[in-house]
Protein backbone atom coordinates (compact mmCIF):
# COMPACT_ATOMS: atom_id res chain seq x y z
CA UNK A 1 -10.32 23.13 22.30
CA UNK A 2 -12.36 21.86 19.35
CA UNK A 3 -13.77 18.34 19.52
CA UNK A 4 -11.67 15.77 17.68
CA UNK A 5 -13.57 14.67 14.57
CA UNK A 6 -11.78 11.37 14.01
CA UNK A 7 -12.03 8.23 16.21
CA UNK A 8 -9.85 8.29 19.33
CA UNK A 9 -7.93 5.07 20.08
CA UNK A 10 -6.43 4.60 23.53
CA UNK A 11 -3.93 1.79 24.03
CA UNK A 12 -2.74 0.68 27.45
CA UNK A 13 0.40 -1.46 27.72
CA UNK A 14 1.70 -2.61 31.10
CA UNK A 15 4.80 -0.50 31.89
CA UNK A 16 7.01 -3.61 32.02
CA UNK A 17 5.74 -4.71 28.60
CA UNK A 18 6.17 -1.19 27.24
CA UNK A 19 9.81 -1.23 28.33
CA UNK A 20 10.19 -4.61 26.64
CA UNK A 21 8.62 -3.23 23.46
CA UNK A 22 10.96 -0.24 23.39
CA UNK A 23 14.06 -2.32 24.19
CA UNK A 24 14.26 -3.78 20.66
CA UNK A 25 12.24 -2.04 17.94
CA UNK A 26 13.10 -4.85 15.50
CA UNK A 27 11.49 -7.57 17.60
CA UNK A 28 8.31 -8.83 15.89
CA UNK A 29 7.01 -10.72 18.94
CA UNK A 30 3.72 -9.26 20.16
CA UNK A 31 2.93 -8.18 23.71
CA UNK A 32 -0.48 -8.05 25.44
CA UNK A 33 -2.30 -4.72 25.68
CA UNK A 34 -5.76 -3.13 25.81
CA UNK A 35 -7.41 -0.99 23.15
CA UNK A 36 -10.29 1.32 24.03
CA UNK A 37 -12.42 2.88 21.28
CA UNK A 38 -15.37 4.84 22.58
CA UNK A 39 -17.05 2.70 25.21
CA UNK A 40 -15.62 -0.60 23.94
CA UNK A 41 -12.46 -2.26 25.19
CA UNK A 42 -10.56 -4.97 23.33
CA UNK A 43 -7.82 -7.36 24.40
CA UNK A 44 -5.05 -7.09 21.84
CA UNK A 45 -1.51 -8.12 21.03
CA UNK A 46 0.75 -5.35 19.83
CA UNK A 47 4.16 -4.94 18.19
CA UNK A 48 5.99 -2.33 16.17
CA UNK A 49 5.60 -2.67 12.39
CA UNK A 50 7.42 -1.68 9.23
CA UNK A 51 11.04 -1.75 8.11
CA UNK A 52 12.97 1.55 8.10
CA UNK A 53 10.05 3.33 9.84
CA UNK A 54 10.81 1.56 13.15
CA UNK A 55 13.65 4.02 13.72
CA UNK A 56 11.31 7.01 13.54
CA UNK A 57 10.31 8.81 16.76
CA UNK A 58 6.64 8.26 15.89
CA UNK A 59 6.23 4.48 15.92
CA UNK A 60 3.81 2.45 13.81
CA UNK A 61 2.00 -0.56 15.26
CA UNK A 62 0.66 -3.98 14.34
CA UNK A 63 -2.45 -4.91 16.36
CA UNK A 64 -4.20 -8.28 16.53
CA UNK A 65 -7.35 -9.20 18.44
CA UNK A 66 -7.70 -12.13 20.84
CA UNK A 67 -9.66 -15.30 20.14
CA UNK A 68 -12.77 -15.02 18.02
CA UNK A 69 -13.17 -11.29 18.54
CA UNK A 70 -12.97 -9.02 15.54
CA UNK A 71 -12.79 -5.24 15.23
CA UNK A 72 -14.64 -3.68 12.30
CA UNK A 73 -14.68 -7.12 10.69
CA UNK A 74 -10.91 -7.60 11.09
CA UNK A 75 -8.70 -9.87 13.16
CA UNK A 76 -5.76 -7.50 12.82
CA UNK A 77 -5.10 -3.89 11.85
CA UNK A 78 -2.08 -1.69 11.22
CA UNK A 79 -1.64 1.76 12.75
CA UNK A 80 0.73 3.84 10.61
CA UNK A 81 2.32 6.99 11.98
CA UNK A 82 2.85 8.50 8.48
CA UNK A 83 5.85 10.24 10.05
CA UNK A 84 7.61 11.33 6.82
CA UNK A 85 4.46 12.55 5.06
CA UNK A 86 3.85 16.22 5.97
CA UNK A 87 0.22 15.91 4.82
CA UNK A 88 -0.61 12.67 6.69
CA UNK A 89 -3.03 11.81 3.87
CA UNK A 90 -0.95 10.46 0.97
CA UNK A 91 -1.28 6.80 1.93
CA UNK A 92 -5.06 6.95 2.24
CA UNK A 93 -5.39 9.15 -0.85
CA UNK A 94 -3.41 6.56 -2.83
CA UNK A 95 -5.27 3.49 -1.58
CA UNK A 96 -8.63 5.14 -2.24
CA UNK A 97 -7.36 6.14 -5.71
CA UNK A 98 -6.51 2.50 -6.49
CA UNK A 99 -10.03 1.49 -5.47
CA UNK A 100 -11.49 4.22 -7.69
CA UNK A 101 -9.62 2.91 -10.76
CA UNK A 102 -10.73 -0.70 -10.26
CA UNK A 103 -7.94 -2.27 -8.18
CA UNK A 104 -8.39 -4.31 -4.99
CA UNK A 105 -7.17 -2.01 -2.23
CA UNK A 106 -7.20 -1.92 1.60
CA UNK A 107 -9.65 0.38 3.35
CA UNK A 108 -8.23 2.93 5.75
CA UNK A 109 -9.24 5.75 8.08
CA UNK A 110 -7.50 8.34 10.22
CA UNK A 111 -7.57 7.92 13.99
CA UNK A 112 -6.13 9.83 16.94
CA UNK A 113 -3.89 7.64 19.11
CA UNK A 114 -2.91 7.76 22.76
CA UNK A 115 -0.59 5.19 24.36
CA UNK A 116 -0.68 4.92 28.16
CA UNK A 117 -2.23 8.38 28.25
CA UNK A 118 0.50 9.97 26.12
CA UNK A 119 -0.67 11.64 22.91
CA UNK A 120 0.92 10.04 19.85
CA UNK A 121 -1.14 12.00 17.36
CA UNK A 122 -2.82 11.24 14.03
CA UNK A 123 -2.46 7.73 12.63
CA UNK A 124 -3.80 5.86 9.64
CA UNK A 125 -5.62 2.63 10.47
CA UNK A 126 -5.03 0.18 7.63
CA UNK A 127 -7.09 -2.89 6.87
CA UNK A 128 -5.00 -6.06 6.87
CA UNK A 129 -4.89 -7.99 3.57
CA UNK A 130 -5.99 -11.47 4.66
CA UNK A 131 -8.97 -13.86 4.51
CA UNK A 132 -11.20 -11.21 6.18
CA UNK A 133 -10.20 -8.71 3.47
CA UNK A 134 -11.48 -11.20 0.88
CA UNK A 135 -14.65 -12.11 2.81
CA UNK A 136 -15.71 -8.47 3.20
CA UNK A 137 -15.59 -8.11 -0.59
CA UNK A 138 -17.38 -11.38 -1.32
CA UNK A 139 -14.26 -12.79 -2.97
CA UNK A 140 -13.36 -16.50 -2.94
CA UNK A 141 -10.69 -17.55 -0.48
CA UNK A 142 -7.25 -17.88 -1.98
CA UNK A 143 -3.57 -17.54 -1.16
CA UNK A 144 -2.22 -14.09 -0.35
CA UNK A 145 1.47 -13.24 -0.43
CA UNK A 146 3.18 -10.13 0.94
CA UNK A 147 6.08 -8.66 -1.01
CA UNK A 148 8.56 -8.24 1.84
CA UNK A 149 11.63 -7.02 -0.02
CA UNK A 150 13.04 -6.10 -3.42
CA UNK A 151 13.25 -9.72 -4.54
CA UNK A 152 9.49 -9.70 -5.20
CA UNK A 153 10.35 -8.61 -8.75
CA UNK A 154 8.94 -11.59 -10.75
CA UNK A 155 12.47 -12.39 -11.93
CA UNK A 156 14.88 -15.30 -11.63
CA UNK A 157 17.50 -12.78 -10.53
CA UNK A 158 17.73 -11.09 -7.15
CA UNK A 159 17.39 -7.31 -6.95
CA UNK A 160 19.25 -7.42 -3.63
CA UNK A 161 22.52 -9.19 -4.49
CA UNK A 162 22.26 -9.25 -8.33
CA UNK A 163 22.65 -13.02 -8.40
CA UNK A 164 20.35 -15.95 -9.27
CA UNK A 165 17.71 -16.36 -6.57
CA UNK A 166 18.05 -19.29 -4.21
CA UNK A 167 14.26 -19.72 -4.43
CA UNK A 168 11.56 -18.47 -6.78
CA UNK A 169 9.63 -17.51 -3.64
CA UNK A 170 12.36 -15.11 -2.50
CA UNK A 171 10.83 -11.77 -1.58
CA UNK A 172 7.44 -13.26 -0.69
CA UNK A 173 5.82 -14.19 2.60
CA UNK A 174 2.66 -16.32 2.43
CA UNK A 175 -0.08 -14.74 4.55
CA UNK A 176 -2.83 -17.24 3.72
CA UNK A 177 -2.90 -20.46 1.72
CA UNK A 178 -0.98 -23.74 1.55
CA UNK A 179 2.36 -25.10 0.39
CA UNK A 180 0.61 -26.31 -2.76
CA UNK A 181 -0.47 -22.72 -3.44
CA UNK A 182 3.17 -21.67 -3.19
CA UNK A 183 3.99 -24.24 -5.86
CA UNK A 184 1.52 -22.42 -8.14
CA UNK A 185 3.28 -19.12 -7.47
CA UNK A 186 6.66 -20.71 -8.27
CA UNK A 187 5.23 -22.06 -11.53
CA UNK A 188 3.87 -18.63 -12.42
CA UNK A 189 7.21 -16.88 -11.83
CA UNK A 190 9.04 -19.60 -13.79
CA UNK A 191 6.62 -19.21 -16.72
CA UNK A 192 7.04 -15.42 -16.75
CA UNK A 193 10.77 -15.86 -17.26
CA UNK A 194 10.85 -18.79 -19.68
CA UNK A 195 7.92 -18.48 -22.10
CA UNK A 196 8.78 -17.35 -25.62
CA UNK A 197 7.12 -14.14 -26.88
CA UNK A 198 4.19 -15.67 -28.77
CA UNK A 199 3.58 -18.22 -26.03
CA UNK A 200 3.67 -15.48 -23.40
CA UNK A 201 1.06 -13.41 -25.23
CA UNK A 202 -1.27 -16.42 -25.55
CA UNK A 203 -0.73 -17.99 -22.12
CA UNK A 204 -0.17 -15.19 -19.57
CA UNK A 205 -3.92 -14.52 -19.34
CA UNK A 206 -4.35 -18.03 -17.89
CA UNK A 207 -2.29 -17.01 -14.86
CA UNK A 208 -2.84 -13.27 -14.43
CA UNK A 209 -5.83 -10.93 -14.46
CA UNK A 210 -4.37 -8.67 -17.15
CA UNK A 211 -6.85 -5.82 -16.80
CA UNK A 212 -6.40 -5.65 -13.01
CA UNK A 213 -2.62 -5.83 -13.38
CA UNK A 214 -2.53 -2.96 -15.87
CA UNK A 215 -4.83 -0.89 -13.65
CA UNK A 216 -2.54 -1.58 -10.68
CA UNK A 217 0.45 -0.57 -12.83
CA UNK A 218 -1.34 2.63 -13.82
CA UNK A 219 -1.99 3.35 -10.13
CA UNK A 220 1.72 3.00 -9.33
CA UNK A 221 2.56 5.27 -12.26
CA UNK A 222 0.08 8.01 -11.39
CA UNK A 223 0.93 8.12 -7.67
CA UNK A 224 4.63 7.65 -8.54
CA UNK A 225 5.53 5.09 -5.88
CA UNK A 226 9.14 4.23 -6.75
CA UNK A 227 9.12 1.08 -4.57
CA UNK A 228 5.76 -0.10 -5.85
CA UNK A 229 7.08 -2.41 -8.58
CA UNK A 230 9.13 -4.81 -6.42
CA UNK A 231 7.77 -4.05 -2.95
CA UNK A 232 4.74 -2.39 -1.33
CA UNK A 233 2.16 -4.85 -2.63
CA UNK A 234 0.31 -8.04 -1.79
CA UNK A 235 -0.40 -10.75 -4.36
CA UNK A 236 -3.71 -12.67 -4.37
CA UNK A 237 -4.78 -15.71 -6.36
CA UNK A 238 -8.53 -16.03 -6.91
CA UNK A 239 -9.41 -19.70 -6.35
CA UNK A 240 -12.42 -19.56 -8.70
CA UNK A 241 -10.54 -18.14 -11.69
CA UNK A 242 -7.01 -19.24 -10.78
CA UNK A 243 -5.81 -15.73 -11.71
CA UNK A 244 -3.34 -13.62 -9.72
CA UNK A 245 -3.83 -9.93 -9.02
CA UNK A 246 -2.00 -7.15 -7.19
CA UNK A 247 -3.04 -5.25 -4.07
CA UNK A 248 -1.20 -1.99 -3.15
CA UNK A 249 0.30 -1.41 0.29
CA UNK A 250 2.23 1.41 2.05
CA UNK A 251 1.75 4.34 -0.31
CA UNK A 252 2.81 7.32 1.81
CA UNK A 253 5.79 8.19 -0.46
CA UNK A 254 3.59 9.43 -3.31
CA UNK A 255 1.85 12.48 -4.83
CA UNK A 256 5.06 14.48 -5.12
CA UNK A 257 6.94 13.28 -2.01
CA UNK A 258 9.56 10.52 -1.78
CA UNK A 259 10.27 8.04 1.02
CA UNK A 260 12.17 10.71 2.97
CA UNK A 261 9.39 13.25 2.60
CA UNK A 262 11.36 15.30 0.08
CA UNK A 263 9.95 16.71 -3.17
CA UNK A 264 9.91 14.20 -6.03
CA UNK A 265 9.93 15.54 -9.57
CA UNK A 266 7.01 14.54 -11.78
CA UNK A 267 9.25 12.66 -14.26
CA UNK A 268 11.03 10.40 -11.77
CA UNK A 269 9.13 7.17 -12.47
CA UNK A 270 8.76 6.11 -16.14
CA UNK A 271 5.52 4.75 -17.61
CA UNK A 272 7.10 1.35 -18.30
CA UNK A 273 7.76 0.55 -14.63
CA UNK A 274 10.58 -1.65 -13.38
CA UNK A 275 9.76 -5.31 -12.73
CA UNK A 276 10.15 -8.31 -15.06
CA UNK A 277 6.44 -9.08 -15.41
CA UNK A 278 5.65 -5.49 -16.43
CA UNK A 279 8.48 -5.51 -18.98
CA UNK A 280 7.16 -8.69 -20.59
CA UNK A 281 3.54 -7.50 -20.65
CA UNK A 282 4.44 -4.15 -22.19
CA UNK A 283 6.44 -5.92 -24.88
CA UNK A 284 3.11 -7.20 -26.30
CA UNK A 285 1.41 -4.77 -28.70
CA UNK A 286 -2.14 -5.69 -27.62
CA UNK A 287 -1.29 -5.11 -23.96
CA UNK A 288 0.43 -1.81 -24.79
CA UNK A 289 -2.82 -0.59 -26.35
CA UNK A 290 -4.85 -1.83 -23.38
CA UNK A 291 -2.50 -0.03 -20.98
CA UNK A 292 -2.60 3.16 -23.05
CA UNK A 293 -6.41 3.12 -22.99
CA UNK A 294 -6.42 2.65 -19.21
CA UNK A 295 -3.96 5.51 -18.70
CA UNK A 296 -6.03 7.77 -20.97
CA UNK A 297 -9.24 6.87 -19.16
CA UNK A 298 -7.73 7.66 -15.74
CA UNK A 299 -6.17 10.90 -17.00
CA UNK A 300 -9.61 12.03 -18.06
CA UNK A 301 -11.59 10.94 -15.00
CA UNK A 302 -9.75 10.10 -11.75
CA UNK A 303 -6.33 11.75 -11.99
CA UNK A 304 -7.65 15.29 -12.09
CA UNK A 305 -7.68 18.11 -9.56
CA UNK A 306 -11.48 18.24 -9.82
CA UNK A 307 -11.73 14.59 -8.77
CA UNK A 308 -9.01 14.59 -6.10
CA UNK A 309 -9.63 17.98 -4.44
CA UNK A 310 -12.90 17.03 -2.67
CA UNK A 311 -11.16 13.98 -1.20
CA UNK A 312 -8.23 16.07 0.06
CA UNK A 313 -10.58 18.75 1.40
CA UNK A 314 -12.64 16.14 3.26
CA UNK A 315 -9.62 14.62 4.97
CA UNK A 316 -8.18 18.02 5.85
CA UNK A 317 -11.52 19.10 7.32
CA UNK A 318 -11.53 16.03 9.58
CA UNK A 319 -7.89 16.34 10.62
CA UNK A 320 -7.97 20.10 11.26
CA UNK A 321 -9.58 19.50 14.66
CA UNK A 322 -6.51 17.64 15.95
CA UNK A 323 -3.47 18.51 13.79
CA UNK A 324 -2.21 20.98 16.43
CA UNK A 325 -2.30 18.13 18.98
CA UNK A 326 0.04 15.88 17.00
CA UNK A 327 3.46 16.28 18.66
CA UNK A 328 5.29 15.18 15.50
CA UNK A 329 3.70 17.50 12.92
CA UNK A 330 4.18 21.12 11.87
CA UNK A 331 0.73 22.61 11.29
CA UNK A 332 2.02 25.34 8.99
CA UNK A 333 3.73 22.83 6.71
CA UNK A 334 0.65 20.58 6.87
CA UNK A 335 -1.59 23.40 5.67
CA UNK A 336 0.56 23.91 2.55
CA UNK A 337 0.52 20.29 1.36
CA UNK A 338 -2.76 20.26 -0.62
CA UNK A 339 -1.43 22.87 -3.04
CA UNK A 340 1.71 20.78 -3.56
CA UNK A 341 -0.46 17.74 -4.34
CA UNK A 342 -2.48 19.71 -6.90
CA UNK A 343 0.72 21.01 -8.51
CA UNK A 344 1.96 17.44 -8.72
CA UNK A 345 -1.24 16.24 -10.42
CA UNK A 346 -0.97 18.94 -13.08
CA UNK A 347 2.74 18.28 -13.72
CA UNK A 348 2.45 14.47 -13.68
CA UNK A 349 -0.55 14.55 -16.03
CA UNK A 350 1.40 16.63 -18.54
CA UNK A 351 4.39 14.26 -18.26
CA UNK A 352 2.27 11.14 -18.82
CA UNK A 353 0.56 12.66 -21.88
CA UNK A 354 3.92 13.66 -23.30
CA UNK A 355 5.36 10.16 -22.76
CA UNK A 356 2.35 8.46 -24.32
CA UNK A 357 2.88 10.60 -27.44
CA UNK A 358 6.59 9.73 -27.55
CA UNK A 359 6.07 6.00 -27.05
CA UNK A 360 3.49 5.92 -29.83
CA UNK A 361 1.31 3.36 -28.10
């Protein structure tokens, strides 16, 4: 058997705790465990993570490290099973793509996981978006919010029950920061929904990093993450500038596959996106032009087969050594996924160019 080319993670959970973990997959309470990577052992707390993915046979995990100990500069990590993605690479490919186009994005790497000696297969280790995420990038500390459901839509109205929200913070969970910071977020959401057109154009740049937001929007559009507009992101406010910006999260349903792993047509997600903030920004002529220029720039440089293929090839080369060992994956299907990704890039590029011409931006 060929040597595995990606890091091997071995987790040991006491059998009684493992039974407790399996008893209720929706329980967020962590249980003690051990993580061994190479010759190093770490005391950890572990729980299942995700929403609908908890029902999958291949579980995903949240891992935190005891006391002052960190692992690769992090206090916590996420281990994603990528169960519905036949390629196992779409999440990482997307997050790296966001970084390439100038958006704050979590780092990730593939690992091979065993739990109590049982092979669980290939996982994606995801960097947590928290104060350590900011410190590693030399960014000032500031509040970070997770978009936890469809109400994170920058609207006064709920996407879930189609009624007025009970709170402007509905859909958000504060990861770092204070109650005063949350007041700033409430003010921002209120302003988005109440400023008149001319006031919005003049004032929105005092609250939001426009360039970063439009680049994030472009990233959602190119990867075609349907949930990316009202979910699947974190929201960070830079304390030095006071400006908010978006951070992508959970991007496995992309590059031509939907959340169920089925083929997604290249015209499924429109260029204008779906949330209230995007609608207001793209109603401003100057921002339309800025967005058009960003889309054109990415079409020419990063969203090309020439740019993406070496990244796909590199990941496939690393994973080839252990794909046959993953009990949840079909190697034959896995081998065919790169071509599907390249077909998607060609088709999506043509669609975006066609839409830009029609919109006249």
